[in-house]
PDB file of N, CA and C in Angstrom:
ATOM      1  N   MET A   1     -35.290 155.607-144.467  1.00  0.00           N
ATOM      2  CA  MET A   1     -35.306 154.176-144.201  1.00  0.00           C
ATOM      3  C   MET A   1     -36.208 153.926-142.991  1.00  0.00           C
ATOM      4  N   GLU A   2     -37.111 152.978-143.111  1.00  0.00           N
ATOM      5  CA  GLU A   2     -38.016 152.649-142.017  1.00  0.00           C
ATOM      6  C   GLU A   2     -37.260 151.915-140.917  1.00  0.00           C
ATOM      7  N   VAL A   3     -37.807 151.960-139.707  1.00  0.00           N
ATOM      8  CA  VAL A   3     -37.143 151.342-138.561  1.00  0.00           C
ATOM      9  C   VAL A   3     -36.944 149.840-138.751  1.00  0.00           C
ATOM     10  N   PRO A   4     -37.953 149.064-139.190  1.00  0.00           N
ATOM     11  CA  PRO A   4     -37.710 147.624-139.361  1.00  0.00           C
ATOM     12  C   PRO A   4     -36.603 147.325-140.372  1.00  0.00           C
ATOM     13  N   GLN A   5     -36.525 148.109-141.451  1.00  0.00           N
ATOM     14  CA  GLN A   5     -35.464 147.887-142.429  1.00  0.00           C
ATOM     15  C   GLN A   5     -34.103 148.227-141.837  1.00  0.00           C
ATOM     16  N   LEU A   6     -34.042 149.282-141.037  1.00  0.00           N
ATOM     17  CA  LEU A   6     -32.791 149.668-140.395  1.00  0.00           C
ATOM     18  C   LEU A   6     -32.331 148.596-139.425  1.00  0.00           C
ATOM     19  N   VAL A   7     -33.258 148.101-138.613  1.00  0.00           N
ATOM     20  CA  VAL A   7     -32.914 147.046-137.660  1.00  0.00           C
ATOM     21  C   VAL A   7     -32.465 145.796-138.398  1.00  0.00           C
ATOM     22  N   LEU A   8     -33.154 145.444-139.478  1.00  0.00           N
ATOM     23  CA  LEU A   8     -32.770 144.269-140.254  1.00  0.00           C
ATOM     24  C   LEU A   8     -31.367 144.427-140.825  1.00  0.00           C
ATOM     25  N   SER A   9     -31.045 145.603-141.335  1.00  0.00           N
ATOM     26  CA  SER A   9     -29.706 145.798-141.892  1.00  0.00           C
ATOM     27  C   SER A   9     -28.645 145.759-140.805  1.00  0.00           C
ATOM     28  N   LEU A  10     -28.949 146.296-139.609  1.00  0.00           N
ATOM     29  CA  LEU A  10     -27.982 146.239-138.512  1.00  0.00           C
ATOM     30  C   LEU A  10     -27.784 144.819-138.020  1.00  0.00           C
ATOM     31  N   VAL A  11     -28.872 144.063-137.930  1.00  0.00           N
ATOM     32  CA  VAL A  11     -28.768 142.668-137.498  1.00  0.00           C
ATOM     33  C   VAL A  11     -28.012 141.850-138.532  1.00  0.00           C
ATOM     34  N   THR A  12     -28.239 142.116-139.806  1.00  0.00           N
ATOM     35  CA  THR A  12     -27.517 141.414-140.865  1.00  0.00           C
ATOM     36  C   THR A  12     -26.028 141.724-140.787  1.00  0.00           C
ATOM     37  N   ALA A  13     -25.683 142.982-140.570  1.00  0.00           N
ATOM     38  CA  ALA A  13     -24.273 143.355-140.441  1.00  0.00           C
ATOM     39  C   ALA A  13     -23.656 142.701-139.221  1.00  0.00           C
ATOM     40  N   THR A  14     -24.413 142.612-138.128  1.00  0.00           N
ATOM     41  CA  THR A  14     -23.914 141.962-136.923  1.00  0.00           C
ATOM     42  C   THR A  14     -23.685 140.484-137.177  1.00  0.00           C
ATOM     43  N   GLY A  15     -24.619 139.836-137.848  1.00  0.00           N
ATOM     44  CA  GLY A  15     -24.455 138.416-138.167  1.00  0.00           C
ATOM     45  C   GLY A  15     -23.266 138.180-139.063  1.00  0.00           C
ATOM     46  N   HIS A  16     -23.038 139.069-140.022  1.00  0.00           N
ATOM     47  CA  HIS A  16     -21.876 138.944-140.910  1.00  0.00           C
ATOM     48  C   HIS A  16     -20.587 139.068-140.103  1.00  0.00           C
ATOM     49  N   ALA A  17     -20.569 139.992-139.146  1.00  0.00           N
ATOM     50  CA  ALA A  17     -19.375 140.166-138.328  1.00  0.00           C
ATOM     51  C   ALA A  17     -19.134 138.944-137.450  1.00  0.00           C
ATOM     52  N   LEU A  18     -20.191 138.314-136.976  1.00  0.00           N
ATOM     53  CA  LEU A  18     -20.036 137.129-136.134  1.00  0.00           C
ATOM     54  C   LEU A  18     -19.586 135.914-136.936  1.00  0.00           C
ATOM     55  N   ASP A  19     -19.829 135.926-138.246  1.00  0.00           N
ATOM     56  CA  ASP A  19     -19.409 134.818-139.105  1.00  0.00           C
ATOM     57  C   ASP A  19     -17.980 134.977-139.605  1.00  0.00           C
ATOM     58  N   GLY A  20     -17.233 135.874-139.027  1.00  0.00           N
ATOM     59  CA  GLY A  20     -15.854 136.062-139.452  1.00  0.00           C
ATOM     60  C   GLY A  20     -15.688 137.220-140.395  1.00  0.00           C
ATOM     61  N   GLY A  21     -16.613 138.144-140.354  1.00  0.00           N
ATOM     62  CA  GLY A  21     -16.547 139.322-141.216  1.00  0.00           C
ATOM     63  C   GLY A  21     -15.529 140.318-140.696  1.00  0.00           C
ATOM     64  N   PRO A  22     -15.894 141.578-140.638  1.00  0.00           N
ATOM     65  CA  PRO A  22     -14.950 142.631-140.276  1.00  0.00           C
ATOM     66  C   PRO A  22     -14.347 142.523-138.878  1.00  0.00           C
ATOM     67  N   GLY A  23     -14.967 141.844-137.959  1.00  0.00           N
ATOM     68  CA  GLY A  23     -14.388 141.685-136.625  1.00  0.00           C
ATOM     69  C   GLY A  23     -15.393 141.932-135.526  1.00  0.00           C
ATOM     70  N   PRO A  24     -14.974 141.671-134.297  1.00  0.00           N
ATOM     71  CA  PRO A  24     -15.903 141.815-133.166  1.00  0.00           C
ATOM     72  C   PRO A  24     -16.323 143.256-132.909  1.00  0.00           C
ATOM     73  N   GLN A  25     -15.504 144.228-133.310  1.00  0.00           N
ATOM     74  CA  GLN A  25     -15.904 145.620-133.112  1.00  0.00           C
ATOM     75  C   GLN A  25     -17.146 145.945-133.938  1.00  0.00           C
ATOM     76  N   ALA A  26     -17.224 145.402-135.135  1.00  0.00           N
ATOM     77  CA  ALA A  26     -18.401 145.642-135.977  1.00  0.00           C
ATOM     78  C   ALA A  26     -19.638 144.994-135.369  1.00  0.00           C
ATOM     79  N   ALA A  27     -19.470 143.823-134.770  1.00  0.00           N
ATOM     80  CA  ALA A  27     -20.609 143.158-134.126  1.00  0.00           C
ATOM     81  C   ALA A  27     -21.105 143.983-132.948  1.00  0.00           C
ATOM     82  N   GLY A  28     -20.180 144.484-132.151  1.00  0.00           N
ATOM     83  CA  GLY A  28     -20.562 145.317-131.015  1.00  0.00           C
ATOM     84  C   GLY A  28     -21.242 146.596-131.451  1.00  0.00           C
ATOM     85  N   LEU A  29     -20.731 147.197-132.511  1.00  0.00           N
ATOM     86  CA  LEU A  29     -21.332 148.420-133.028  1.00  0.00           C
ATOM     87  C   LEU A  29     -22.733 148.153-133.569  1.00  0.00           C
ATOM     88  N   GLY A  30     -22.905 147.033-134.258  1.00  0.00           N
ATOM     89  CA  GLY A  30     -24.229 146.679-134.770  1.00  0.00           C
ATOM     90  C   GLY A  30     -25.232 146.465-133.649  1.00  0.00           C
ATOM     91  N   LEU A  31     -24.805 145.780-132.596  1.00  0.00           N
ATOM     92  CA  LEU A  31     -25.692 145.563-131.450  1.00  0.00           C
ATOM     93  C   LEU A  31     -26.014 146.878-130.745  1.00  0.00           C
ATOM     94  N   LEU A  32     -25.015 147.728-130.607  1.00  0.00           N
ATOM     95  CA  LEU A  32     -25.226 149.021-129.964  1.00  0.00           C
ATOM     96  C   LEU A  32     -26.213 149.879-130.746  1.00  0.00           C
ATOM     97  N   LEU A  33     -26.041 149.940-132.048  1.00  0.00           N
ATOM     98  CA  LEU A  33     -26.946 150.740-132.870  1.00  0.00           C
ATOM     99  C   LEU A  33     -28.361 150.171-132.876  1.00  0.00           C
ATOM    100  N   THR A  34     -28.474 148.847-132.900  1.00  0.00           N
ATOM    101  CA  THR A  34     -29.800 148.225-132.849  1.00  0.00           C
ATOM    102  C   THR A  34     -30.498 148.558-131.534  1.00  0.00           C
ATOM    103  N   ALA A  35     -29.765 148.445-130.424  1.00  0.00           N
ATOM    104  CA  ALA A  35     -30.341 148.767-129.115  1.00  0.00           C
ATOM    105  C   ALA A  35     -30.737 150.236-129.037  1.00  0.00           C
ATOM    106  N   LEU A  36     -29.917 151.104-129.606  1.00  0.00           N
ATOM    107  CA  LEU A  36     -30.219 152.530-129.585  1.00  0.00           C
ATOM    108  C   LEU A  36     -31.489 152.842-130.368  1.00  0.00           C
ATOM    109  N   VAL A  37     -31.588 152.294-131.563  1.00  0.00           N
ATOM    110  CA  VAL A  37     -32.772 152.549-132.398  1.00  0.00           C
ATOM    111  C   VAL A  37     -34.030 152.020-131.723  1.00  0.00           C
ATOM    112  N   LEU A  38     -33.974 150.799-131.228  1.00  0.00           N
ATOM    113  CA  LEU A  38     -35.154 150.221-130.583  1.00  0.00           C
ATOM    114  C   LEU A  38     -35.480 150.939-129.278  1.00  0.00           C
ATOM    115  N   GLY A  39     -34.471 151.361-128.530  1.00  0.00           N
ATOM    116  CA  GLY A  39     -34.697 152.071-127.277  1.00  0.00           C
ATOM    117  C   GLY A  39     -35.350 153.423-127.483  1.00  0.00           C
ATOM    118  N   VAL A  40     -34.877 154.160-128.474  1.00  0.00           N
ATOM    119  CA  VAL A  40     -35.470 155.470-128.762  1.00  0.00           C
ATOM    120  C   VAL A  40     -36.902 155.299-129.240  1.00  0.00           C
ATOM    121  N   ARG A  41     -37.116 154.330-130.099  1.00  0.00           N
ATOM    122  CA  ARG A  41     -38.478 154.093-130.605  1.00  0.00           C
ATOM    123  C   ARG A  41     -39.412 153.708-129.449  1.00  0.00           C
ATOM    124  N   HIS A  42     -38.939 152.869-128.546  1.00  0.00           N
ATOM    125  CA  HIS A  42     -39.753 152.438-127.415  1.00  0.00           C
ATOM    126  C   HIS A  42     -39.975 153.589-126.432  1.00  0.00           C
ATOM    127  N   GLY A  43     -38.978 154.428-126.261  1.00  0.00           N
ATOM    128  CA  GLY A  43     -39.062 155.504-125.282  1.00  0.00           C
ATOM    129  C   GLY A  43     -40.063 156.585-125.619  1.00  0.00           C
ATOM    130  N   ILE A  44     -40.410 156.729-126.896  1.00  0.00           N
ATOM    131  CA  ILE A  44     -41.363 157.775-127.272  1.00  0.00           C
ATOM    132  C   ILE A  44     -42.759 157.214-127.515  1.00  0.00           C
ATOM    133  N   ASP A  45     -43.035 156.030-127.008  1.00  0.00           N
ATOM    134  CA  ASP A  45     -44.387 155.480-127.086  1.00  0.00           C
ATOM    135  C   ASP A  45     -45.330 156.359-126.271  1.00  0.00           C
ATOM    136  N   TRP A  46     -46.591 156.390-126.673  1.00  0.00           N
ATOM    137  CA  TRP A  46     -47.564 157.265-126.021  1.00  0.00           C
ATOM    138  C   TRP A  46     -47.747 156.940-124.543  1.00  0.00           C
ATOM    139  N   ASP A  47     -47.627 155.660-124.170  1.00  0.00           N
ATOM    140  CA  ASP A  47     -47.840 155.320-122.761  1.00  0.00           C
ATOM    141  C   ASP A  47     -46.716 155.858-121.883  1.00  0.00           C
ATOM    142  N   HIS A  48     -45.501 155.948-122.414  1.00  0.00           N
ATOM    143  CA  HIS A  48     -44.406 156.529-121.635  1.00  0.00           C
ATOM    144  C   HIS A  48     -44.582 158.032-121.489  1.00  0.00           C
ATOM    145  N   ILE A  49     -45.013 158.683-122.544  1.00  0.00           N
ATOM    146  CA  ILE A  49     -45.263 160.125-122.475  1.00  0.00           C
ATOM    147  C   ILE A  49     -46.371 160.408-121.462  1.00  0.00           C
ATOM    148  N   ALA A  50     -47.421 159.593-121.459  1.00  0.00           N
ATOM    149  CA  ALA A  50     -48.516 159.766-120.499  1.00  0.00           C
ATOM    150  C   ALA A  50     -48.035 159.533-119.068  1.00  0.00           C
ATOM    151  N   ALA A  51     -47.190 158.535-118.867  1.00  0.00           N
ATOM    152  CA  ALA A  51     -46.685 158.247-117.522  1.00  0.00           C
ATOM    153  C   ALA A  51     -45.811 159.388-117.010  1.00  0.00           C
ATOM    154  N   ILE A  52     -44.945 159.914-117.859  1.00  0.00           N
ATOM    155  CA  ILE A  52     -44.085 161.028-117.450  1.00  0.00           C
ATOM    156  C   ILE A  52     -44.925 162.256-117.126  1.00  0.00           C
ATOM    157  N   THR A  53     -45.938 162.522-117.940  1.00  0.00           N
ATOM    158  CA  THR A  53     -46.824 163.656-117.687  1.00  0.00           C
ATOM    159  C   THR A  53     -47.559 163.476-116.368  1.00  0.00           C
ATOM    160  N   ASP A  54     -48.033 162.268-116.102  1.00  0.00           N
ATOM    161  CA  ASP A  54     -48.751 161.986-114.863  1.00  0.00           C
ATOM    162  C   ASP A  54     -47.845 162.161-113.650  1.00  0.00           C
ATOM    163  N   ILE A  55     -46.634 161.648-113.738  1.00  0.00           N
ATOM    164  CA  ILE A  55     -45.704 161.743-112.607  1.00  0.00           C
ATOM    165  C   ILE A  55     -45.344 163.199-112.324  1.00  0.00           C
ATOM    166  N   THR A  56     -45.039 163.961-113.353  1.00  0.00           N
ATOM    167  CA  THR A  56     -44.639 165.350-113.127  1.00  0.00           C
ATOM    168  C   THR A  56     -45.795 166.201-112.631  1.00  0.00           C
ATOM    169  N   SER A  57     -47.004 165.985-113.133  1.00  0.00           N
ATOM    170  CA  SER A  57     -48.131 166.780-112.655  1.00  0.00           C
ATOM    171  C   SER A  57     -48.509 166.379-111.235  1.00  0.00           C
ATOM    172  N   THR A  58     -48.419 165.098-110.921  1.00  0.00           N
ATOM    173  CA  THR A  58     -48.728 164.628-109.576  1.00  0.00           C
ATOM    174  C   THR A  58     -47.712 165.158-108.578  1.00  0.00           C
ATOM    175  N   THR A  59     -46.451 165.186-108.953  1.00  0.00           N
ATOM    176  CA  THR A  59     -45.403 165.661-108.058  1.00  0.00           C
ATOM    177  C   THR A  59     -45.579 167.138-107.746  1.00  0.00           C
ATOM    178  N   SER A  60     -45.862 167.951-108.730  1.00  0.00           N
ATOM    179  CA  SER A  60     -46.026 169.387-108.488  1.00  0.00           C
ATOM    180  C   SER A  60     -47.266 169.654-107.637  1.00  0.00           C
ATOM    181  N   ALA A  61     -48.337 168.911-107.849  1.00  0.00           N
ATOM    182  CA  ALA A  61     -49.544 169.079-107.038  1.00  0.00           C
ATOM    183  C   ALA A  61     -49.284 168.661-105.594  1.00  0.00           C
ATOM    184  N   ALA A  62     -48.540 167.590-105.400  1.00  0.00           N
ATOM    185  CA  ALA A  62     -48.226 167.125-104.050  1.00  0.00           C
ATOM    186  C   ALA A  62     -47.337 168.128-103.325  1.00  0.00           C
ATOM    187  N   GLU A  63     -46.378 168.710-104.017  1.00  0.00           N
ATOM    188  CA  GLU A  63     -45.508 169.709-103.393  1.00  0.00           C
ATOM    189  C   GLU A  63     -46.306 170.942-102.979  1.00  0.00           C
ATOM    190  N   ALA A  64     -47.234 171.367-103.818  1.00  0.00           N
ATOM    191  CA  ALA A  64     -48.060 172.531-103.490  1.00  0.00           C
ATOM    192  C   ALA A  64     -48.936 172.239-102.273  1.00  0.00           C
ATOM    193  N   ALA A  65     -49.497 171.047-102.204  1.00  0.00           N
ATOM    194  CA  ALA A  65     -50.332 170.672-101.059  1.00  0.00           C
ATOM    195  C   ALA A  65     -49.503 170.603 -99.785  1.00  0.00           C
ATOM    196  N   THR A  66     -48.289 170.098 -99.881  1.00  0.00           N
ATOM    197  CA  THR A  66     -47.407 170.010 -98.710  1.00  0.00           C
ATOM    198  C   THR A  66     -47.055 171.397 -98.200  1.00  0.00           C
ATOM    199  N   GLU A  67     -46.727 172.307 -99.101  1.00  0.00           N
ATOM    200  CA  GLU A  67     -46.403 173.677 -98.693  1.00  0.00           C
ATOM    201  C   GLU A  67     -47.604 174.344 -98.030  1.00  0.00           C
ATOM    202  N   HIS A  68     -48.784 174.150 -98.593  1.00  0.00           N
ATOM    203  CA  HIS A  68     -49.996 174.730 -98.014  1.00  0.00           C
ATOM    204  C   HIS A  68     -50.238 174.164 -96.615  1.00  0.00           C
ATOM    205  N   HIS A  69     -50.065 172.878 -96.450  1.00  0.00           N
ATOM    206  CA  HIS A  69     -50.264 172.226 -95.153  1.00  0.00           C
ATOM    207  C   HIS A  69     -49.260 172.751 -94.126  1.00  0.00           C
ATOM    208  N   GLU A  70     -48.018 172.912 -94.542  1.00  0.00           N
ATOM    209  CA  GLU A  70     -46.992 173.411 -93.623  1.00  0.00           C
ATOM    210  C   GLU A  70     -47.291 174.839 -93.182  1.00  0.00           C
ATOM    211  N   LEU A  71     -47.754 175.671 -94.105  1.00  0.00           N
ATOM    212  CA  LEU A  71     -48.063 177.054 -93.752  1.00  0.00           C
ATOM    213  C   LEU A  71     -49.255 177.141 -92.805  1.00  0.00           C
ATOM    214  N   ASP A  72     -50.214 176.241 -92.939  1.00  0.00           N
ATOM    215  CA  ASP A  72     -51.376 176.240 -92.053  1.00  0.00           C
ATOM    216  C   ASP A  72     -51.024 175.814 -90.637  1.00  0.00           C
ATOM    217  N   HIS A  73     -49.944 175.090 -90.464  1.00  0.00           N
ATOM    218  CA  HIS A  73     -49.608 174.541 -89.154  1.00  0.00           C
ATOM    219  C   HIS A  73     -48.371 175.188 -88.542  1.00  0.00           C
ATOM    220  N   LEU A  74     -48.127 176.431 -88.849  1.00  0.00           N
ATOM    221  CA  LEU A  74     -46.997 177.137 -88.231  1.00  0.00           C
ATOM    222  C   LEU A  74     -47.373 177.720 -86.907  1.00  0.00           C
TER     223      LEU A  74
END
């Protein structure tokens, strides 16, 4: 099942629950699952992967430079 179809089915189930369907627990579950699916899909976007890679490589380079600087000034 594609993501848009999954989200549509979850939103439809949530709307049915809000109209007096199975109850508020089903509405909460539908919203939770929709947020989870959209969050995971958004979290693996290429720009997030690039940002995480940049932050981790920059941090390790900065730590190495700091250690080198400290050793030079003992």
